[in-house]
Amino acid sequence: MVQALVETHSETFVLALQHLVERGELKPEDVSLNWISSRNGVSRIERIHLDEDGDFETAWPEGFFDERFAARDSGGKAEAGE
């Protein structure tokens, strides 16, 4: 078994993990996505779970993946009047 700790801001990497779970190449419990934030000098780690389809069971904190979700919700059209 391979274990890796990867720090990334890459939406593409997270989407690839979701796709691998969806295809059954990874189990959701084998993927640990963590959102780390800091407020008033206190760090907080929030786990973002995936389901068997690779979808998020837990919502991402506001501001992360906003562009992707906005594009998906608008049918892929730009928000500037299209």
PDB file of N, CA and C in Angstrom:
ATOM      1  N   MET A   1       0.846  -1.178   0.000  1.00  0.00           N
ATOM      2  CA  MET A   1       0.000   0.000   0.000  1.00  0.00           C
ATOM      3  C   MET A   1       0.891   1.241   0.000  1.00  0.00           C
ATOM      4  N   VAL A   2       0.513   2.214  -0.816  1.00  0.00           N
ATOM      5  CA  VAL A   2       1.246   3.472  -0.899  1.00  0.00           C
ATOM      6  C   VAL A   2       0.483   4.516  -0.106  1.00  0.00           C
ATOM      7  N   GLN A   3       1.198   5.239   0.734  1.00  0.00           N
ATOM      8  CA  GLN A   3       0.598   6.353   1.461  1.00  0.00           C
ATOM      9  C   GLN A   3       1.362   7.614   1.082  1.00  0.00           C
ATOM     10  N   ALA A   4       0.633   8.690   0.861  1.00  0.00           N
ATOM     11  CA  ALA A   4       1.271   9.946   0.481  1.00  0.00           C
ATOM     12  C   ALA A   4       0.546  11.100   1.148  1.00  0.00           C
ATOM     13  N   LEU A   5       1.300  12.098   1.503  1.00  0.00           N
ATOM     14  CA  LEU A   5       0.746  13.344   2.032  1.00  0.00           C
ATOM     15  C   LEU A   5       1.066  14.416   1.004  1.00  0.00           C
ATOM     16  N   VAL A   6       0.026  15.016   0.442  1.00  0.00           N
ATOM     17  CA  VAL A   6       0.199  16.001  -0.612  1.00  0.00           C
ATOM     18  C   VAL A   6      -0.507  17.285  -0.195  1.00  0.00           C
ATOM     19  N   GLU A   7       0.206  18.386  -0.246  1.00  0.00           N
ATOM     20  CA  GLU A   7      -0.397  19.692   0.009  1.00  0.00           C
ATOM     21  C   GLU A   7      -0.581  20.337  -1.347  1.00  0.00           C
ATOM     22  N   THR A   8      -1.800  20.750  -1.639  1.00  0.00           N
ATOM     23  CA  THR A   8      -2.064  21.321  -2.952  1.00  0.00           C
ATOM     24  C   THR A   8      -3.162  22.369  -2.887  1.00  0.00           C
ATOM     25  N   HIS A   9      -3.120  23.243  -3.850  1.00  0.00           N
ATOM     26  CA  HIS A   9      -4.207  24.189  -4.077  1.00  0.00           C
ATOM     27  C   HIS A   9      -4.821  23.896  -5.442  1.00  0.00           C
ATOM     28  N   SER A  10      -4.492  22.719  -5.986  1.00  0.00           N
ATOM     29  CA  SER A  10      -4.896  22.348  -7.332  1.00  0.00           C
ATOM     30  C   SER A  10      -6.276  21.718  -7.359  1.00  0.00           C
ATOM     31  N   GLU A  11      -7.201  22.425  -7.976  1.00  0.00           N
ATOM     32  CA  GLU A  11      -8.542  21.882  -8.172  1.00  0.00           C
ATOM     33  C   GLU A  11      -8.461  20.648  -9.065  1.00  0.00           C
ATOM     34  N   THR A  12      -7.557  20.667 -10.037  1.00  0.00           N
ATOM     35  CA  THR A  12      -7.395  19.541 -10.965  1.00  0.00           C
ATOM     36  C   THR A  12      -7.002  18.272 -10.212  1.00  0.00           C
ATOM     37  N   PHE A  13      -6.131  18.377  -9.236  1.00  0.00           N
ATOM     38  CA  PHE A  13      -5.709  17.210  -8.458  1.00  0.00           C
ATOM     39  C   PHE A  13      -6.874  16.644  -7.651  1.00  0.00           C
ATOM     40  N   VAL A  14      -7.637  17.515  -7.028  1.00  0.00           N
ATOM     41  CA  VAL A  14      -8.794  17.064  -6.242  1.00  0.00           C
ATOM     42  C   VAL A  14      -9.825  16.415  -7.156  1.00  0.00           C
ATOM     43  N   LEU A  15     -10.067  17.002  -8.324  1.00  0.00           N
ATOM     44  CA  LEU A  15     -11.014  16.414  -9.276  1.00  0.00           C
ATOM     45  C   LEU A  15     -10.533  15.044  -9.747  1.00  0.00           C
ATOM     46  N   ALA A  16      -9.219  14.873  -9.922  1.00  0.00           N
ATOM     47  CA  ALA A  16      -8.673  13.575 -10.326  1.00  0.00           C
ATOM     48  C   ALA A  16      -8.922  12.529  -9.239  1.00  0.00           C
ATOM     49  N   LEU A  17      -8.754  12.909  -7.971  1.00  0.00           N
ATOM     50  CA  LEU A  17      -9.045  11.986  -6.873  1.00  0.00           C
ATOM     51  C   LEU A  17     -10.522  11.596  -6.880  1.00  0.00           C
ATOM     52  N   GLN A  18     -11.383  12.571  -7.097  1.00  0.00           N
ATOM     53  CA  GLN A  18     -12.819  12.281  -7.161  1.00  0.00           C
ATOM     54  C   GLN A  18     -13.121  11.296  -8.285  1.00  0.00           C
ATOM     55  N   HIS A  19     -12.480  11.490  -9.428  1.00  0.00           N
ATOM     56  CA  HIS A  19     -12.711  10.618 -10.575  1.00  0.00           C
ATOM     57  C   HIS A  19     -12.237   9.193 -10.279  1.00  0.00           C
ATOM     58  N   LEU A  20     -11.103   9.054  -9.615  1.00  0.00           N
ATOM     59  CA  LEU A  20     -10.594   7.720  -9.261  1.00  0.00           C
ATOM     60  C   LEU A  20     -11.547   7.003  -8.302  1.00  0.00           C
ATOM     61  N   VAL A  21     -12.135   7.742  -7.382  1.00  0.00           N
ATOM     62  CA  VAL A  21     -13.122   7.147  -6.472  1.00  0.00           C
ATOM     63  C   VAL A  21     -14.363   6.741  -7.260  1.00  0.00           C
ATOM     64  N   GLU A  22     -14.819   7.615  -8.130  1.00  0.00           N
ATOM     65  CA  GLU A  22     -16.006   7.325  -8.942  1.00  0.00           C
ATOM     66  C   GLU A  22     -15.804   6.055  -9.775  1.00  0.00           C
ATOM     67  N   ARG A  23     -14.611   5.858 -10.323  1.00  0.00           N
ATOM     68  CA  ARG A  23     -14.305   4.676 -11.146  1.00  0.00           C
ATOM     69  C   ARG A  23     -14.004   3.435 -10.315  1.00  0.00           C
ATOM     70  N   GLY A  24     -13.943   3.583  -8.999  1.00  0.00           N
ATOM     71  CA  GLY A  24     -13.693   2.440  -8.137  1.00  0.00           C
ATOM     72  C   GLY A  24     -12.223   2.086  -7.978  1.00  0.00           C
ATOM     73  N   GLU A  25     -11.332   2.951  -8.458  1.00  0.00           N
ATOM     74  CA  GLU A  25      -9.893   2.699  -8.344  1.00  0.00           C
ATOM     75  C   GLU A  25      -9.352   3.102  -6.973  1.00  0.00           C
ATOM     76  N   LEU A  26     -10.082   3.950  -6.286  1.00  0.00           N
ATOM     77  CA  LEU A  26      -9.785   4.327  -4.895  1.00  0.00           C
ATOM     78  C   LEU A  26     -11.071   4.214  -4.099  1.00  0.00           C
ATOM     79  N   LYS A  27     -10.959   3.835  -2.853  1.00  0.00           N
ATOM     80  CA  LYS A  27     -12.111   3.820  -1.954  1.00  0.00           C
ATOM     81  C   LYS A  27     -12.202   5.187  -1.277  1.00  0.00           C
ATOM     82  N   PRO A  28     -13.418   5.664  -1.036  1.00  0.00           N
ATOM     83  CA  PRO A  28     -13.560   6.965  -0.372  1.00  0.00           C
ATOM     84  C   PRO A  28     -12.799   7.032   0.947  1.00  0.00           C
ATOM     85  N   GLU A  29     -12.797   5.935   1.703  1.00  0.00           N
ATOM     86  CA  GLU A  29     -12.113   5.943   3.004  1.00  0.00           C
ATOM     87  C   GLU A  29     -10.591   5.964   2.876  1.00  0.00           C
ATOM     88  N   ASP A  30     -10.081   5.743   1.642  1.00  0.00           N
ATOM     89  CA  ASP A  30      -8.639   5.796   1.416  1.00  0.00           C
ATOM     90  C   ASP A  30      -8.160   7.198   1.035  1.00  0.00           C
ATOM     91  N   VAL A  31      -9.106   8.129   0.891  1.00  0.00           N
ATOM     92  CA  VAL A  31      -8.783   9.514   0.523  1.00  0.00           C
ATOM     93  C   VAL A  31      -9.134  10.414   1.698  1.00  0.00           C
ATOM     94  N   SER A  32      -8.190  11.228   2.092  1.00  0.00           N
ATOM     95  CA  SER A  32      -8.442  12.179   3.174  1.00  0.00           C
ATOM     96  C   SER A  32      -8.167  13.583   2.650  1.00  0.00           C
ATOM     97  N   LEU A  33      -9.230  14.337   2.409  1.00  0.00           N
ATOM     98  CA  LEU A  33      -9.113  15.726   1.984  1.00  0.00           C
ATOM     99  C   LEU A  33      -9.338  16.598   3.208  1.00  0.00           C
ATOM    100  N   ASN A  34      -8.383  17.466   3.476  1.00  0.00           N
ATOM    101  CA  ASN A  34      -8.463  18.305   4.673  1.00  0.00           C
ATOM    102  C   ASN A  34      -8.320  19.769   4.311  1.00  0.00           C
ATOM    103  N   TRP A  35      -9.187  20.576   4.862  1.00  0.00           N
ATOM    104  CA  TRP A  35      -9.157  22.030   4.691  1.00  0.00           C
ATOM    105  C   TRP A  35      -8.577  22.602   5.975  1.00  0.00           C
ATOM    106  N   ILE A  36      -7.487  23.337   5.857  1.00  0.00           N
ATOM    107  CA  ILE A  36      -6.844  23.912   7.034  1.00  0.00           C
ATOM    108  C   ILE A  36      -7.018  25.420   6.981  1.00  0.00           C
ATOM    109  N   SER A  37      -7.570  25.966   8.043  1.00  0.00           N
ATOM    110  CA  SER A  37      -7.791  27.408   8.118  1.00  0.00           C
ATOM    111  C   SER A  37      -7.247  27.932   9.438  1.00  0.00           C
ATOM    112  N   SER A  38      -7.096  29.228   9.494  1.00  0.00           N
ATOM    113  CA  SER A  38      -6.598  29.860  10.711  1.00  0.00           C
ATOM    114  C   SER A  38      -7.406  31.119  10.981  1.00  0.00           C
ATOM    115  N   ARG A  39      -7.818  31.268  12.218  1.00  0.00           N
ATOM    116  CA  ARG A  39      -8.548  32.469  12.614  1.00  0.00           C
ATOM    117  C   ARG A  39      -8.086  32.854  14.006  1.00  0.00           C
ATOM    118  N   ASN A  40      -7.723  34.096  14.147  1.00  0.00           N
ATOM    119  CA  ASN A  40      -7.259  34.621  15.438  1.00  0.00           C
ATOM    120  C   ASN A  40      -6.113  33.790  16.012  1.00  0.00           C
ATOM    121  N   GLY A  41      -5.226  33.332  15.121  1.00  0.00           N
ATOM    122  CA  GLY A  41      -4.067  32.578  15.568  1.00  0.00           C
ATOM    123  C   GLY A  41      -4.340  31.129  15.931  1.00  0.00           C
ATOM    124  N   VAL A  42      -5.566  30.662  15.678  1.00  0.00           N
ATOM    125  CA  VAL A  42      -5.925  29.278  15.993  1.00  0.00           C
ATOM    126  C   VAL A  42      -6.157  28.522  14.681  1.00  0.00           C
ATOM    127  N   SER A  43      -5.400  27.448  14.474  1.00  0.00           N
ATOM    128  CA  SER A  43      -5.561  26.635  13.268  1.00  0.00           C
ATOM    129  C   SER A  43      -6.658  25.604  13.473  1.00  0.00           C
ATOM    130  N   ARG A  44      -7.353  25.311  12.376  1.00  0.00           N
ATOM    131  CA  ARG A  44      -8.444  24.350  12.422  1.00  0.00           C
ATOM    132  C   ARG A  44      -8.349  23.441  11.195  1.00  0.00           C
ATOM    133  N   ILE A  45      -8.529  22.146  11.388  1.00  0.00           N
ATOM    134  CA  ILE A  45      -8.521  21.184  10.293  1.00  0.00           C
ATOM    135  C   ILE A  45      -9.931  20.626  10.145  1.00  0.00           C
ATOM    136  N   GLU A  46     -10.454  20.720   8.922  1.00  0.00           N
ATOM    137  CA  GLU A  46     -11.799  20.230   8.639  1.00  0.00           C
ATOM    138  C   GLU A  46     -11.703  19.157   7.557  1.00  0.00           C
ATOM    139  N   ARG A  47     -12.176  17.966   7.824  1.00  0.00           N
ATOM    140  CA  ARG A  47     -12.121  16.875   6.850  1.00  0.00           C
ATOM    141  C   ARG A  47     -13.291  16.982   5.883  1.00  0.00           C
ATOM    142  N   ILE A  48     -12.980  16.837   4.603  1.00  0.00           N
ATOM    143  CA  ILE A  48     -13.985  16.866   3.557  1.00  0.00           C
ATOM    144  C   ILE A  48     -14.125  15.433   3.041  1.00  0.00           C
ATOM    145  N   HIS A  49     -15.261  14.809   3.275  1.00  0.00           N
ATOM    146  CA  HIS A  49     -15.478  13.406   2.924  1.00  0.00           C
ATOM    147  C   HIS A  49     -16.007  13.266   1.501  1.00  0.00           C
ATOM    148  N   LEU A  50     -15.646  12.138   0.873  1.00  0.00           N
ATOM    149  CA  LEU A  50     -16.187  11.772  -0.435  1.00  0.00           C
ATOM    150  C   LEU A  50     -17.121  10.583  -0.267  1.00  0.00           C
ATOM    151  N   ASP A  51     -18.158  10.517  -1.122  1.00  0.00           N
ATOM    152  CA  ASP A  51     -19.024   9.343  -1.109  1.00  0.00           C
ATOM    153  C   ASP A  51     -18.526   8.339  -2.163  1.00  0.00           C
ATOM    154  N   GLU A  52     -19.251   7.249  -2.353  1.00  0.00           N
ATOM    155  CA  GLU A  52     -18.842   6.192  -3.287  1.00  0.00           C
ATOM    156  C   GLU A  52     -18.787   6.666  -4.744  1.00  0.00           C
ATOM    157  N   ASP A  53     -19.494   7.754  -5.056  1.00  0.00           N
ATOM    158  CA  ASP A  53     -19.485   8.307  -6.412  1.00  0.00           C
ATOM    159  C   ASP A  53     -18.402   9.364  -6.603  1.00  0.00           C
ATOM    160  N   GLY A  54     -17.607   9.620  -5.553  1.00  0.00           N
ATOM    161  CA  GLY A  54     -16.565  10.626  -5.640  1.00  0.00           C
ATOM    162  C   GLY A  54     -17.060  12.035  -5.374  1.00  0.00           C
ATOM    163  N   ASP A  55     -18.323  12.165  -5.004  1.00  0.00           N
ATOM    164  CA  ASP A  55     -18.892  13.485  -4.708  1.00  0.00           C
ATOM    165  C   ASP A  55     -18.582  13.873  -3.265  1.00  0.00           C
ATOM    166  N   PHE A  56     -18.543  15.172  -3.007  1.00  0.00           N
ATOM    167  CA  PHE A  56     -18.293  15.658  -1.656  1.00  0.00           C
ATOM    168  C   PHE A  56     -19.498  15.384  -0.770  1.00  0.00           C
ATOM    169  N   GLU A  57     -19.283  14.768   0.374  1.00  0.00           N
ATOM    170  CA  GLU A  57     -20.346  14.604   1.368  1.00  0.00           C
ATOM    171  C   GLU A  57     -20.420  15.842   2.249  1.00  0.00           C
ATOM    172  N   THR A  58     -19.308  16.510   2.375  1.00  0.00           N
ATOM    173  CA  THR A  58     -19.192  17.710   3.193  1.00  0.00           C
ATOM    174  C   THR A  58     -18.907  18.876   2.254  1.00  0.00           C
ATOM    175  N   ALA A  59     -19.598  19.975   2.426  1.00  0.00           N
ATOM    176  CA  ALA A  59     -19.383  21.128   1.554  1.00  0.00           C
ATOM    177  C   ALA A  59     -18.011  21.753   1.807  1.00  0.00           C
ATOM    178  N   TRP A  60     -17.386  22.223   0.714  1.00  0.00           N
ATOM    179  CA  TRP A  60     -16.128  22.950   0.860  1.00  0.00           C
ATOM    180  C   TRP A  60     -16.414  24.297   1.510  1.00  0.00           C
ATOM    181  N   PRO A  61     -15.471  24.795   2.260  1.00  0.00           N
ATOM    182  CA  PRO A  61     -15.653  26.130   2.846  1.00  0.00           C
ATOM    183  C   PRO A  61     -15.827  27.170   1.733  1.00  0.00           C
ATOM    184  N   GLU A  62     -16.518  28.227   2.042  1.00  0.00           N
ATOM    185  CA  GLU A  62     -16.799  29.281   1.077  1.00  0.00           C
ATOM    186  C   GLU A  62     -15.512  29.812   0.465  1.00  0.00           C
ATOM    187  N   GLY A  63     -15.541  30.014  -0.848  1.00  0.00           N
ATOM    188  CA  GLY A  63     -14.393  30.570  -1.544  1.00  0.00           C
ATOM    189  C   GLY A  63     -13.549  29.526  -2.256  1.00  0.00           C
ATOM    190  N   PHE A  64     -13.723  28.243  -1.950  1.00  0.00           N
ATOM    191  CA  PHE A  64     -12.939  27.198  -2.589  1.00  0.00           C
ATOM    192  C   PHE A  64     -13.799  26.534  -3.646  1.00  0.00           C
ATOM    193  N   PHE A  65     -13.318  26.440  -4.856  1.00  0.00           N
ATOM    194  CA  PHE A  65     -14.025  25.865  -5.996  1.00  0.00           C
ATOM    195  C   PHE A  65     -15.207  26.733  -6.427  1.00  0.00           C
ATOM    196  N   ASP A  66     -15.274  27.991  -6.007  1.00  0.00           N
ATOM    197  CA  ASP A  66     -16.413  28.838  -6.354  1.00  0.00           C
ATOM    198  C   ASP A  66     -16.605  28.967  -7.860  1.00  0.00           C
ATOM    199  N   GLU A  67     -15.491  29.126  -8.622  1.00  0.00           N
ATOM    200  CA  GLU A  67     -15.603  29.304 -10.063  1.00  0.00           C
ATOM    201  C   GLU A  67     -16.192  28.055 -10.719  1.00  0.00           C
ATOM    202  N   ARG A  68     -15.745  26.881 -10.285  1.00  0.00           N
ATOM    203  CA  ARG A  68     -16.248  25.628 -10.861  1.00  0.00           C
ATOM    204  C   ARG A  68     -17.736  25.470 -10.574  1.00  0.00           C
ATOM    205  N   PHE A  69     -18.133  25.726  -9.328  1.00  0.00           N
ATOM    206  CA  PHE A  69     -19.530  25.576  -8.968  1.00  0.00           C
ATOM    207  C   PHE A  69     -20.393  26.618  -9.679  1.00  0.00           C
ATOM    208  N   ALA A  70     -19.882  27.824  -9.835  1.00  0.00           N
ATOM    209  CA  ALA A  70     -20.632  28.869 -10.538  1.00  0.00           C
ATOM    210  C   ALA A  70     -20.828  28.475 -12.002  1.00  0.00           C
ATOM    211  N   ALA A  71     -19.783  27.939 -12.625  1.00  0.00           N
ATOM    212  CA  ALA A  71     -19.879  27.514 -14.024  1.00  0.00           C
ATOM    213  C   ALA A  71     -20.852  26.350 -14.159  1.00  0.00           C
ATOM    214  N   ARG A  72     -20.775  25.400 -13.237  1.00  0.00           N
ATOM    215  CA  ARG A  72     -21.684  24.239 -13.279  1.00  0.00           C
ATOM    216  C   ARG A  72     -23.124  24.698 -13.112  1.00  0.00           C
ATOM    217  N   ASP A  73     -23.358  25.592 -12.150  1.00  0.00           N
ATOM    218  CA  ASP A  73     -24.719  26.039 -11.862  1.00  0.00           C
ATOM    219  C   ASP A  73     -25.302  26.891 -12.997  1.00  0.00           C
ATOM    220  N   SER A  74     -24.432  27.527 -13.797  1.00  0.00           N
ATOM    221  CA  SER A  74     -24.926  28.346 -14.903  1.00  0.00           C
ATOM    222  C   SER A  74     -24.898  27.588 -16.227  1.00  0.00           C
ATOM    223  N   GLY A  75     -24.690  26.286 -16.145  1.00  0.00           N
ATOM    224  CA  GLY A  75     -24.664  25.473 -17.361  1.00  0.00           C
ATOM    225  C   GLY A  75     -23.388  25.647 -18.161  1.00  0.00           C
ATOM    226  N   GLY A  76     -22.312  26.103 -17.493  1.00  0.00           N
ATOM    227  CA  GLY A  76     -21.032  26.277 -18.174  1.00  0.00           C
ATOM    228  C   GLY A  76     -20.884  27.609 -18.864  1.00  0.00           C
ATOM    229  N   LYS A  77     -21.879  28.474 -18.764  1.00  0.00           N
ATOM    230  CA  LYS A  77     -21.817  29.781 -19.416  1.00  0.00           C
ATOM    231  C   LYS A  77     -21.142  30.783 -18.480  1.00  0.00           C
ATOM    232  N   ALA A  78     -20.447  31.709 -19.073  1.00  0.00           N
ATOM    233  CA  ALA A  78     -19.808  32.766 -18.283  1.00  0.00           C
ATOM    234  C   ALA A  78     -20.889  33.593 -17.602  1.00  0.00           C
ATOM    235  N   GLU A  79     -20.531  34.124 -16.466  1.00  0.00           N
ATOM    236  CA  GLU A  79     -21.502  34.902 -15.696  1.00  0.00           C
ATOM    237  C   GLU A  79     -21.760  36.272 -16.310  1.00  0.00           C
ATOM    238  N   ALA A  80     -20.905  36.740 -17.195  1.00  0.00           N
ATOM    239  CA  ALA A  80     -21.018  38.081 -17.756  1.00  0.00           C
ATOM    240  C   ALA A  80     -22.032  38.145 -18.889  1.00  0.00           C
ATOM    241  N   GLY A  81     -23.265  37.777 -18.595  1.00  0.00           N
ATOM    242  CA  GLY A  81     -24.355  37.971 -19.518  1.00  0.00           C
ATOM    243  C   GLY A  81     -24.548  36.936 -20.593  1.00  0.00           C
ATOM    244  N   GLU A  82     -23.811  35.846 -20.586  1.00  0.00           N
ATOM    245  CA  GLU A  82     -24.015  34.823 -21.613  1.00  0.00           C
ATOM    246  C   GLU A  82     -25.197  33.952 -21.278  1.00  0.00           C
TER     247      GLU A  82
END
